[in-house]
Structure formats: structure tokens, C-alpha cells
């Protein structure tokens, strides 16, 4: 059976043919190590973080070969986490369309949801030039908050919150919203 290192080497090199061969030989892209990491999550996370140009091809092949985008590590994070934090909309879409459930992933801590974490991170990193602050009503309603972020991104020429809108369109909820 192929090892996690063989999977890593092929994926990091962008060798999708080798990944398919490893899958045919019985590679387990979902096998968790002692920290809960899987070959899929390790590759997808690092390829996304390093912005490797072939990352979409590699992740697509891994998903086709049975990689599970919902498996998280011991910290409750996975490939979806890195795609969200790095604002990689195509990667996020690929993972969500492959069945990743944004409500399965935890927020930065237990007091927030994955979407809440995304909103907080977006405000911190991409809205620093915005002098406007959301109203109390906007802060209490996720859809109003997302509309506010979209509005100020346009007004202040900031990165639009497409990734957050995409998460929402796939059912991502705030901690305050019922399941």
C-alpha cells in the first residue's frame, strides 16, 4: 500500500498521474495520523497556503479518488479552513461542491462558528482601511453583516468577501443561528 510520503511527494510535485496510480494501488487519502491529519488535508492545506499553481488539479484528483473534505484534524481544521482563511474562492468552491460541510468545521474557538471566524478574519485583514463600522443590527444578523462587508469592500476598494458569501450559499451558519 502506498505511504503518506509517496502521496505527499506526488501531490507536492503536481503529479496527478502518479496520484491516480497511487489510488489504483490502494492509497488511503483519508488515513489519519496521531494529530488527525490526513494525506488529503495535508496536501490541500499546504498547496493552498503556498498558492501552488497546480493546486486545483491535485485537489480535484484527490477528491475524485475518494478524499473526504469533511475530515478534520484534532484541532477541528481541514482543507476548508485554509481555503477560507487564504480567501481562495475557487478552492473553497471545489471543496464545498465535493461535499465539505462548513458547519462541521469549528471556529477559531468554541464561542464562534466557522462562518463567524471567517467574518472576523476578513474584517481584521481586509477591512483595515474602512472607517465605517457595522450597526448593532448588522452585527446581530449574518446576512446584514455580509451585505455591510460587501458594501464597504466596494466603497473602500477592498477585497470583496466572495468567500464568505460562498460559504453562506452552502449553508454556513453563525453560532447564533439554529442548526
N, C-alpha and C. Protein backbone atom coordinates (compact mmCIF):
# COMPACT_ATOMS: atom_id res chain seq x y z
N UNK A 1 0.85 -1.18 0.00
CA UNK A 1 0.00 0.00 0.00
C UNK A 1 0.90 1.25 0.00
N UNK A 2 0.55 2.24 -0.82
CA UNK A 2 1.36 3.47 -0.87
C UNK A 2 1.37 4.21 0.47
N UNK A 3 2.47 4.86 0.76
CA UNK A 3 2.63 5.57 2.02
C UNK A 3 2.17 7.02 1.89
N UNK A 4 1.98 7.65 3.04
CA UNK A 4 1.62 9.08 3.06
C UNK A 4 2.71 9.91 2.40
N UNK A 5 3.97 9.51 2.57
CA UNK A 5 5.08 10.25 1.94
C UNK A 5 5.00 10.17 0.43
N UNK A 6 4.67 9.00 -0.10
CA UNK A 6 4.53 8.86 -1.56
C UNK A 6 3.40 9.76 -2.07
N UNK A 7 2.31 9.80 -1.32
CA UNK A 7 1.19 10.67 -1.70
C UNK A 7 1.64 12.13 -1.66
N UNK A 8 2.33 12.51 -0.58
CA UNK A 8 2.82 13.88 -0.44
C UNK A 8 3.73 14.25 -1.61
N UNK A 9 4.72 13.40 -1.88
CA UNK A 9 5.69 13.70 -2.95
C UNK A 9 5.00 13.91 -4.29
N UNK A 10 4.05 13.05 -4.61
CA UNK A 10 3.35 13.18 -5.90
C UNK A 10 2.49 14.45 -5.92
N UNK A 11 1.77 14.69 -4.84
CA UNK A 11 0.90 15.87 -4.79
C UNK A 11 1.67 17.17 -4.79
N UNK A 12 2.75 17.22 -4.01
CA UNK A 12 3.55 18.45 -3.92
C UNK A 12 4.22 18.77 -5.25
N UNK A 13 4.50 17.73 -6.03
CA UNK A 13 5.10 17.92 -7.36
C UNK A 13 4.03 18.21 -8.42
N UNK A 14 2.76 18.08 -8.05
CA UNK A 14 1.69 18.29 -9.01
C UNK A 14 1.50 17.14 -9.97
N UNK A 15 1.98 15.96 -9.59
CA UNK A 15 1.94 14.79 -10.47
C UNK A 15 0.61 14.05 -10.29
N UNK A 16 -0.41 14.51 -11.01
CA UNK A 16 -1.74 13.92 -10.86
C UNK A 16 -1.81 12.49 -11.41
N UNK A 17 -1.00 12.19 -12.41
CA UNK A 17 -0.97 10.81 -12.92
C UNK A 17 -0.45 9.85 -11.85
N UNK A 18 0.57 10.27 -11.13
CA UNK A 18 1.12 9.45 -10.04
C UNK A 18 0.08 9.29 -8.92
N UNK A 19 -0.67 10.36 -8.63
CA UNK A 19 -1.71 10.26 -7.61
C UNK A 19 -2.78 9.25 -8.02
N UNK A 20 -3.16 9.28 -9.28
CA UNK A 20 -4.14 8.30 -9.77
C UNK A 20 -3.58 6.88 -9.66
N UNK A 21 -2.30 6.73 -9.97
CA UNK A 21 -1.65 5.41 -9.87
C UNK A 21 -1.65 4.95 -8.41
N UNK A 22 -1.32 5.86 -7.50
CA UNK A 22 -1.30 5.51 -6.07
C UNK A 22 -2.70 5.12 -5.60
N UNK A 23 -3.71 5.83 -6.10
CA UNK A 23 -5.10 5.48 -5.74
C UNK A 23 -5.43 4.08 -6.24
N UNK A 24 -5.01 3.76 -7.45
CA UNK A 24 -5.26 2.43 -8.02
C UNK A 24 -4.55 1.34 -7.22
N UNK A 25 -3.43 1.72 -6.58
CA UNK A 25 -2.67 0.77 -5.76
C UNK A 25 -3.20 0.69 -4.32
N UNK A 26 -4.28 1.44 -4.04
CA UNK A 26 -4.90 1.35 -2.73
C UNK A 26 -4.55 2.45 -1.75
N UNK A 27 -4.00 3.56 -2.23
CA UNK A 27 -3.66 4.67 -1.33
C UNK A 27 -4.89 5.13 -0.56
N UNK A 28 -4.70 5.39 0.72
CA UNK A 28 -5.78 5.89 1.57
C UNK A 28 -5.53 7.37 1.84
N UNK A 29 -6.25 8.22 1.14
CA UNK A 29 -6.07 9.67 1.28
C UNK A 29 -6.73 10.19 2.56
N UNK A 30 -7.49 9.34 3.25
CA UNK A 30 -8.22 9.75 4.45
C UNK A 30 -7.66 9.18 5.74
N UNK A 31 -6.54 8.46 5.67
CA UNK A 31 -5.96 7.86 6.87
C UNK A 31 -5.41 8.96 7.78
N UNK A 32 -5.88 8.95 9.02
CA UNK A 32 -5.46 9.99 9.97
C UNK A 32 -4.25 9.55 10.78
N UNK A 33 -3.33 10.50 10.98
CA UNK A 33 -2.18 10.24 11.85
C UNK A 33 -2.57 10.61 13.29
N UNK A 34 -1.60 10.61 14.19
CA UNK A 34 -1.89 10.87 15.61
C UNK A 34 -2.43 12.28 15.87
N UNK A 35 -2.19 13.21 14.95
CA UNK A 35 -2.71 14.58 15.10
C UNK A 35 -4.01 14.78 14.33
N UNK A 36 -4.49 13.71 13.70
CA UNK A 36 -5.73 13.77 12.95
C UNK A 36 -5.56 14.24 11.51
N UNK A 37 -4.32 14.47 11.09
CA UNK A 37 -4.08 14.91 9.72
C UNK A 37 -4.22 13.74 8.76
N UNK A 38 -4.74 14.03 7.58
CA UNK A 38 -4.83 13.04 6.51
C UNK A 38 -3.91 13.48 5.38
N UNK A 39 -3.50 12.56 4.51
CA UNK A 39 -2.72 12.98 3.34
C UNK A 39 -3.46 14.04 2.52
N UNK A 40 -4.79 13.88 2.39
CA UNK A 40 -5.56 14.87 1.64
C UNK A 40 -5.47 16.25 2.29
N UNK A 41 -5.79 16.33 3.58
CA UNK A 41 -5.78 17.63 4.26
C UNK A 41 -4.39 18.26 4.25
N UNK A 42 -3.37 17.45 4.48
CA UNK A 42 -2.01 17.98 4.50
C UNK A 42 -1.65 18.58 3.14
N UNK A 43 -1.95 17.85 2.08
CA UNK A 43 -1.64 18.35 0.74
C UNK A 43 -2.49 19.56 0.39
N UNK A 44 -3.81 19.44 0.53
CA UNK A 44 -4.70 20.54 0.15
C UNK A 44 -4.37 21.81 0.93
N UNK A 45 -4.11 21.66 2.21
CA UNK A 45 -3.80 22.81 3.05
C UNK A 45 -2.50 23.48 2.61
N UNK A 46 -1.47 22.71 2.42
CA UNK A 46 -0.17 23.28 2.03
C UNK A 46 -0.18 23.82 0.61
N UNK A 47 -0.81 23.12 -0.32
CA UNK A 47 -0.88 23.62 -1.70
C UNK A 47 -1.64 24.94 -1.75
N UNK A 48 -2.69 25.03 -0.96
CA UNK A 48 -3.49 26.26 -0.91
C UNK A 48 -2.70 27.38 -0.25
N UNK A 49 -2.07 27.09 0.88
CA UNK A 49 -1.31 28.11 1.60
C UNK A 49 -0.14 28.64 0.77
N UNK A 50 0.50 27.76 0.02
CA UNK A 50 1.65 28.16 -0.79
C UNK A 50 1.24 28.62 -2.19
N UNK A 51 -0.07 28.60 -2.46
CA UNK A 51 -0.60 29.07 -3.75
C UNK A 51 0.03 28.38 -4.95
N UNK A 52 0.26 27.09 -4.81
CA UNK A 52 0.84 26.33 -5.92
C UNK A 52 -0.13 26.40 -7.11
N UNK A 53 0.39 26.68 -8.32
CA UNK A 53 -0.50 26.87 -9.47
C UNK A 53 -1.29 25.61 -9.85
N UNK A 54 -0.80 24.45 -9.49
CA UNK A 54 -1.48 23.19 -9.84
C UNK A 54 -2.37 22.69 -8.71
N UNK A 55 -2.59 23.51 -7.69
CA UNK A 55 -3.33 23.05 -6.51
C UNK A 55 -4.74 22.55 -6.84
N UNK A 56 -5.41 23.21 -7.78
CA UNK A 56 -6.78 22.80 -8.11
C UNK A 56 -6.79 21.43 -8.79
N UNK A 57 -5.83 21.18 -9.65
CA UNK A 57 -5.75 19.88 -10.33
C UNK A 57 -5.50 18.76 -9.32
N UNK A 58 -4.56 18.99 -8.41
CA UNK A 58 -4.22 17.97 -7.41
C UNK A 58 -5.42 17.69 -6.50
N UNK A 59 -6.03 18.73 -5.98
CA UNK A 59 -7.16 18.54 -5.06
C UNK A 59 -8.33 17.89 -5.79
N UNK A 60 -8.57 18.29 -7.02
CA UNK A 60 -9.65 17.68 -7.80
C UNK A 60 -9.43 16.18 -7.96
N UNK A 61 -8.22 15.78 -8.29
CA UNK A 61 -7.91 14.35 -8.45
C UNK A 61 -8.06 13.62 -7.12
N UNK A 62 -7.58 14.20 -6.05
CA UNK A 62 -7.71 13.56 -4.74
C UNK A 62 -9.18 13.37 -4.37
N UNK A 63 -10.00 14.37 -4.65
CA UNK A 63 -11.44 14.25 -4.37
C UNK A 63 -12.07 13.17 -5.25
N UNK A 64 -11.70 13.14 -6.52
CA UNK A 64 -12.20 12.10 -7.44
C UNK A 64 -11.81 10.71 -6.95
N UNK A 65 -10.66 10.61 -6.31
CA UNK A 65 -10.15 9.31 -5.84
C UNK A 65 -10.62 8.97 -4.43
N UNK A 66 -11.57 9.73 -3.90
CA UNK A 66 -12.17 9.37 -2.63
C UNK A 66 -11.76 10.16 -1.41
N UNK A 67 -10.97 11.21 -1.56
CA UNK A 67 -10.61 12.02 -0.40
C UNK A 67 -11.86 12.67 0.18
N UNK A 68 -11.95 12.68 1.49
CA UNK A 68 -13.11 13.22 2.18
C UNK A 68 -12.81 14.64 2.67
N UNK A 69 -13.49 15.66 2.12
CA UNK A 69 -13.20 17.04 2.52
C UNK A 69 -13.75 17.41 3.90
N UNK A 70 -14.47 16.49 4.55
CA UNK A 70 -15.04 16.78 5.86
C UNK A 70 -14.20 16.28 7.03
N UNK A 71 -13.16 15.53 6.76
CA UNK A 71 -12.32 15.05 7.86
C UNK A 71 -11.49 16.21 8.38
N UNK A 72 -11.54 16.39 9.69
CA UNK A 72 -10.76 17.46 10.32
C UNK A 72 -9.67 16.86 11.18
N UNK A 73 -8.67 17.68 11.48
CA UNK A 73 -7.60 17.23 12.38
C UNK A 73 -8.07 17.38 13.82
N UNK A 74 -7.18 17.13 14.75
CA UNK A 74 -7.54 17.19 16.17
C UNK A 74 -7.92 18.58 16.64
N UNK A 75 -7.59 19.61 15.85
CA UNK A 75 -7.97 20.99 16.18
C UNK A 75 -9.26 21.40 15.48
N UNK A 76 -9.90 20.49 14.76
CA UNK A 76 -11.14 20.79 14.07
C UNK A 76 -10.95 21.54 12.76
N UNK A 77 -9.74 21.48 12.21
CA UNK A 77 -9.44 22.20 10.97
C UNK A 77 -9.15 21.22 9.84
N UNK A 78 -9.31 21.71 8.62
CA UNK A 78 -9.04 20.90 7.44
C UNK A 78 -8.76 21.79 6.25
N UNK A 79 -8.86 21.21 5.08
CA UNK A 79 -8.57 21.95 3.85
C UNK A 79 -9.51 23.15 3.70
N UNK A 80 -10.76 23.00 4.11
CA UNK A 80 -11.72 24.10 4.01
C UNK A 80 -11.26 25.30 4.84
N UNK A 81 -10.64 25.03 5.96
CA UNK A 81 -10.15 26.10 6.83
C UNK A 81 -9.12 26.95 6.11
N UNK A 82 -8.14 26.31 5.51
CA UNK A 82 -7.09 27.06 4.81
C UNK A 82 -7.65 27.79 3.60
N UNK A 83 -8.55 27.15 2.87
CA UNK A 83 -9.16 27.81 1.70
C UNK A 83 -9.91 29.07 2.14
N UNK A 84 -10.62 28.99 3.26
CA UNK A 84 -11.36 30.15 3.76
C UNK A 84 -10.41 31.24 4.23
N UNK A 85 -9.43 30.89 5.04
CA UNK A 85 -8.52 31.90 5.58
C UNK A 85 -7.63 32.53 4.52
N UNK A 86 -7.32 31.79 3.46
CA UNK A 86 -6.49 32.36 2.40
C UNK A 86 -7.34 32.98 1.29
N UNK A 87 -8.64 33.00 1.49
CA UNK A 87 -9.58 33.61 0.54
C UNK A 87 -9.38 33.02 -0.87
N UNK A 88 -9.24 31.71 -0.93
CA UNK A 88 -9.08 31.01 -2.20
C UNK A 88 -10.46 30.53 -2.64
N UNK A 89 -11.19 31.41 -3.32
CA UNK A 89 -12.58 31.14 -3.69
C UNK A 89 -12.71 29.90 -4.57
N UNK A 90 -11.88 29.72 -5.62
CA UNK A 90 -12.03 28.50 -6.42
C UNK A 90 -11.81 27.21 -5.60
N UNK A 91 -10.85 27.23 -4.68
CA UNK A 91 -10.61 26.05 -3.85
C UNK A 91 -11.79 25.83 -2.91
N UNK A 92 -12.26 26.90 -2.33
CA UNK A 92 -13.41 26.81 -1.43
C UNK A 92 -14.60 26.21 -2.17
N UNK A 93 -14.87 26.71 -3.37
CA UNK A 93 -15.99 26.20 -4.17
C UNK A 93 -15.80 24.71 -4.47
N UNK A 94 -14.60 24.32 -4.86
CA UNK A 94 -14.33 22.92 -5.19
C UNK A 94 -14.62 22.02 -3.98
N UNK A 95 -14.15 22.43 -2.82
CA UNK A 95 -14.35 21.63 -1.61
C UNK A 95 -15.82 21.57 -1.22
N UNK A 96 -16.51 22.71 -1.30
CA UNK A 96 -17.93 22.74 -0.96
C UNK A 96 -18.75 21.91 -1.94
N UNK A 97 -18.44 22.01 -3.22
CA UNK A 97 -19.16 21.22 -4.22
C UNK A 97 -18.87 19.72 -4.06
N UNK A 98 -17.74 19.39 -3.46
CA UNK A 98 -17.40 17.98 -3.21
C UNK A 98 -18.02 17.48 -1.91
N UNK A 99 -18.78 18.34 -1.24
CA UNK A 99 -19.49 17.91 -0.04
C UNK A 99 -18.98 18.43 1.28
N UNK A 100 -17.97 19.29 1.27
CA UNK A 100 -17.49 19.85 2.54
C UNK A 100 -18.63 20.62 3.21
N UNK A 101 -18.84 20.35 4.48
CA UNK A 101 -19.91 20.99 5.25
C UNK A 101 -19.30 22.08 6.13
N UNK A 102 -19.55 23.36 5.81
CA UNK A 102 -18.92 24.43 6.58
C UNK A 102 -19.36 24.45 8.05
N UNK A 103 -20.46 23.81 8.36
CA UNK A 103 -20.92 23.79 9.75
C UNK A 103 -20.29 22.66 10.56
N UNK A 104 -19.54 21.80 9.89
CA UNK A 104 -18.82 20.73 10.58
C UNK A 104 -17.49 21.25 11.14
N UNK A 105 -16.99 22.31 10.54
CA UNK A 105 -15.71 22.88 10.94
C UNK A 105 -15.93 23.88 12.07
N UNK A 106 -15.02 23.91 13.01
CA UNK A 106 -15.19 24.82 14.14
C UNK A 106 -14.61 26.19 13.84
N UNK A 107 -15.02 27.15 14.65
CA UNK A 107 -14.48 28.49 14.53
C UNK A 107 -13.10 28.57 15.17
N UNK A 108 -12.61 29.79 15.29
CA UNK A 108 -11.29 30.00 15.89
C UNK A 108 -11.27 29.43 17.31
N UNK A 109 -12.38 29.58 17.99
CA UNK A 109 -12.54 28.94 19.31
C UNK A 109 -13.99 28.46 19.42
N UNK A 110 -14.34 27.91 20.54
CA UNK A 110 -15.66 27.31 20.70
C UNK A 110 -16.79 28.32 20.77
N UNK A 111 -16.46 29.61 20.91
CA UNK A 111 -17.50 30.62 21.04
C UNK A 111 -18.05 31.08 19.69
N UNK A 112 -17.48 30.58 18.60
CA UNK A 112 -17.93 31.04 17.29
C UNK A 112 -18.00 29.88 16.29
N UNK A 113 -18.74 30.12 15.23
CA UNK A 113 -18.84 29.14 14.15
C UNK A 113 -17.72 29.38 13.14
N UNK A 114 -17.62 28.50 12.19
CA UNK A 114 -16.65 28.63 11.10
C UNK A 114 -16.90 29.94 10.34
N UNK A 115 -18.17 30.22 10.04
CA UNK A 115 -18.52 31.46 9.34
C UNK A 115 -18.18 32.68 10.19
N UNK A 116 -18.47 32.63 11.49
CA UNK A 116 -18.12 33.74 12.38
C UNK A 116 -16.62 34.02 12.32
N UNK A 117 -15.82 32.96 12.35
CA UNK A 117 -14.37 33.09 12.27
C UNK A 117 -13.97 33.75 10.96
N UNK A 118 -14.60 33.31 9.87
CA UNK A 118 -14.31 33.89 8.56
C UNK A 118 -14.61 35.38 8.50
N UNK A 119 -15.74 35.78 9.08
CA UNK A 119 -16.11 37.20 9.11
C UNK A 119 -15.10 37.98 9.93
N UNK A 120 -14.77 37.47 11.11
CA UNK A 120 -13.79 38.16 11.97
C UNK A 120 -12.45 38.30 11.26
N UNK A 121 -11.98 37.23 10.65
CA UNK A 121 -10.69 37.24 9.95
C UNK A 121 -10.72 38.21 8.78
N UNK A 122 -11.81 38.22 8.03
CA UNK A 122 -11.94 39.12 6.89
C UNK A 122 -11.89 40.58 7.34
N UNK A 123 -12.65 40.90 8.38
CA UNK A 123 -12.64 42.28 8.90
C UNK A 123 -11.24 42.68 9.34
N UNK A 124 -10.57 41.81 10.03
CA UNK A 124 -9.24 42.10 10.56
C UNK A 124 -8.22 42.32 9.45
N UNK A 125 -8.23 41.47 8.44
CA UNK A 125 -7.19 41.51 7.42
C UNK A 125 -7.52 42.33 6.17
N UNK A 126 -8.79 42.49 5.87
CA UNK A 126 -9.13 43.11 4.59
C UNK A 126 -9.95 44.39 4.70
N UNK A 127 -10.34 44.78 5.89
CA UNK A 127 -11.16 45.98 6.04
C UNK A 127 -10.48 47.04 6.90
N UNK A 128 -9.17 47.00 7.00
CA UNK A 128 -8.48 47.95 7.86
C UNK A 128 -8.61 49.38 7.39
N UNK A 129 -8.76 49.58 6.08
CA UNK A 129 -8.88 50.94 5.56
C UNK A 129 -10.31 51.46 5.64
N UNK A 130 -11.23 50.61 6.03
CA UNK A 130 -12.64 51.02 6.14
C UNK A 130 -12.85 51.77 7.45
N UNK A 131 -13.38 52.96 7.35
CA UNK A 131 -13.63 53.74 8.56
C UNK A 131 -15.03 53.49 9.10
N UNK A 132 -15.89 52.91 8.30
CA UNK A 132 -17.25 52.63 8.74
C UNK A 132 -17.28 51.37 9.59
N UNK A 133 -18.18 51.36 10.52
CA UNK A 133 -18.38 50.19 11.38
C UNK A 133 -19.81 49.70 11.20
N UNK A 134 -20.03 48.41 11.33
CA UNK A 134 -21.40 47.91 11.19
C UNK A 134 -22.28 48.38 12.34
N UNK A 135 -23.57 48.54 12.05
CA UNK A 135 -24.52 48.91 13.09
C UNK A 135 -24.75 47.70 14.01
N UNK A 136 -25.41 47.95 15.12
CA UNK A 136 -25.75 46.85 16.03
C UNK A 136 -26.62 45.82 15.32
N UNK A 137 -27.56 46.32 14.52
CA UNK A 137 -28.46 45.43 13.78
C UNK A 137 -27.66 44.57 12.80
N UNK A 138 -26.71 45.17 12.10
CA UNK A 138 -25.88 44.41 11.15
C UNK A 138 -25.02 43.38 11.88
N UNK A 139 -24.53 43.72 13.05
CA UNK A 139 -23.70 42.80 13.81
C UNK A 139 -24.50 41.59 14.31
N UNK A 140 -25.80 41.76 14.50
CA UNK A 140 -26.63 40.69 15.03
C UNK A 140 -27.21 39.77 13.96
N UNK A 141 -27.15 40.19 12.70
CA UNK A 141 -27.73 39.41 11.60
C UNK A 141 -26.65 39.11 10.56
N UNK A 142 -26.37 37.84 10.35
CA UNK A 142 -25.28 37.44 9.46
C UNK A 142 -25.47 37.99 8.05
N UNK A 143 -26.68 37.90 7.52
CA UNK A 143 -26.90 38.36 6.15
C UNK A 143 -26.72 39.88 6.04
N UNK A 144 -27.16 40.62 7.04
CA UNK A 144 -26.94 42.07 7.04
C UNK A 144 -25.45 42.38 7.18
N UNK A 145 -24.75 41.60 7.98
CA UNK A 145 -23.31 41.81 8.16
C UNK A 145 -22.57 41.54 6.85
N UNK A 146 -22.94 40.49 6.15
CA UNK A 146 -22.31 40.19 4.87
C UNK A 146 -22.60 41.29 3.84
N UNK A 147 -23.82 41.82 3.86
CA UNK A 147 -24.17 42.93 2.96
C UNK A 147 -23.34 44.17 3.31
N UNK A 148 -23.15 44.42 4.61
CA UNK A 148 -22.30 45.54 5.05
C UNK A 148 -20.87 45.35 4.53
N UNK A 149 -20.32 44.16 4.71
CA UNK A 149 -18.95 43.90 4.26
C UNK A 149 -18.81 44.06 2.75
N UNK A 150 -19.82 43.62 2.02
CA UNK A 150 -19.80 43.79 0.56
C UNK A 150 -19.81 45.28 0.19
N UNK A 151 -20.66 46.03 0.88
CA UNK A 151 -20.80 47.47 0.61
C UNK A 151 -19.50 48.21 0.90
N UNK A 152 -18.88 47.96 2.05
CA UNK A 152 -17.65 48.69 2.38
C UNK A 152 -16.48 48.22 1.52
N UNK A 153 -16.48 46.96 1.11
CA UNK A 153 -15.41 46.48 0.23
C UNK A 153 -15.45 47.25 -1.09
N UNK A 154 -16.64 47.46 -1.60
CA UNK A 154 -16.79 48.22 -2.85
C UNK A 154 -16.41 49.68 -2.63
N UNK A 155 -16.92 50.26 -1.57
CA UNK A 155 -16.67 51.69 -1.29
C UNK A 155 -15.19 51.99 -1.07
N UNK A 156 -14.50 51.11 -0.36
CA UNK A 156 -13.10 51.35 0.00
C UNK A 156 -12.11 50.57 -0.86
N UNK A 157 -12.63 49.98 -1.93
CA UNK A 157 -11.79 49.23 -2.87
C UNK A 157 -10.97 48.13 -2.17
N UNK A 158 -11.66 47.37 -1.33
CA UNK A 158 -11.04 46.25 -0.61
C UNK A 158 -11.41 44.94 -1.32
N UNK A 159 -10.71 43.89 -0.95
CA UNK A 159 -11.03 42.57 -1.46
C UNK A 159 -12.48 42.25 -1.11
N UNK A 160 -13.32 41.89 -2.09
CA UNK A 160 -14.71 41.56 -1.77
C UNK A 160 -14.81 40.25 -0.98
N UNK A 161 -15.83 40.13 -0.14
CA UNK A 161 -15.97 38.94 0.70
C UNK A 161 -16.64 37.77 -0.02
N UNK A 162 -16.21 37.51 -1.25
CA UNK A 162 -16.82 36.43 -2.05
C UNK A 162 -16.79 35.09 -1.32
N UNK A 163 -15.70 34.83 -0.63
CA UNK A 163 -15.56 33.54 0.06
C UNK A 163 -16.61 33.37 1.15
N UNK A 164 -16.94 34.47 1.83
CA UNK A 164 -17.95 34.40 2.89
C UNK A 164 -19.34 34.22 2.30
N UNK A 165 -19.61 34.91 1.20
CA UNK A 165 -20.90 34.76 0.52
C UNK A 165 -21.05 33.34 -0.02
N UNK A 166 -19.96 32.77 -0.50
CA UNK A 166 -19.98 31.39 -0.99
C UNK A 166 -20.28 30.42 0.16
N UNK A 167 -19.60 30.60 1.28
CA UNK A 167 -19.87 29.75 2.44
C UNK A 167 -21.34 29.84 2.84
N UNK A 168 -21.87 31.05 2.85
CA UNK A 168 -23.27 31.26 3.22
C UNK A 168 -24.20 30.55 2.23
N UNK A 169 -23.86 30.63 0.95
CA UNK A 169 -24.71 29.99 -0.07
C UNK A 169 -24.70 28.46 0.07
N UNK A 170 -23.70 27.93 0.75
CA UNK A 170 -23.63 26.49 1.01
C UNK A 170 -24.11 26.16 2.43
N UNK A 171 -24.83 27.10 3.04
CA UNK A 171 -25.48 26.83 4.31
C UNK A 171 -24.70 27.14 5.57
N UNK A 172 -23.56 27.81 5.45
CA UNK A 172 -22.78 28.15 6.66
C UNK A 172 -23.63 29.03 7.58
N UNK A 173 -23.56 28.72 8.86
CA UNK A 173 -24.36 29.44 9.86
C UNK A 173 -23.47 30.12 10.89
N UNK A 174 -24.04 31.15 11.47
CA UNK A 174 -23.43 31.80 12.62
C UNK A 174 -23.71 30.94 13.85
N UNK A 175 -22.92 31.11 14.87
CA UNK A 175 -23.12 30.37 16.13
C UNK A 175 -24.51 30.68 16.71
N UNK A 176 -25.00 31.88 16.42
CA UNK A 176 -26.29 32.31 16.97
C UNK A 176 -27.49 31.70 16.23
N UNK A 177 -27.27 31.17 15.04
CA UNK A 177 -28.37 30.63 14.26
C UNK A 177 -28.63 29.17 14.63
N UNK A 178 -29.90 28.78 14.63
CA UNK A 178 -30.21 27.39 14.96
C UNK A 178 -29.74 26.44 13.86
N UNK A 179 -29.42 25.24 14.28
CA UNK A 179 -28.95 24.21 13.32
C UNK A 179 -30.08 23.72 12.45
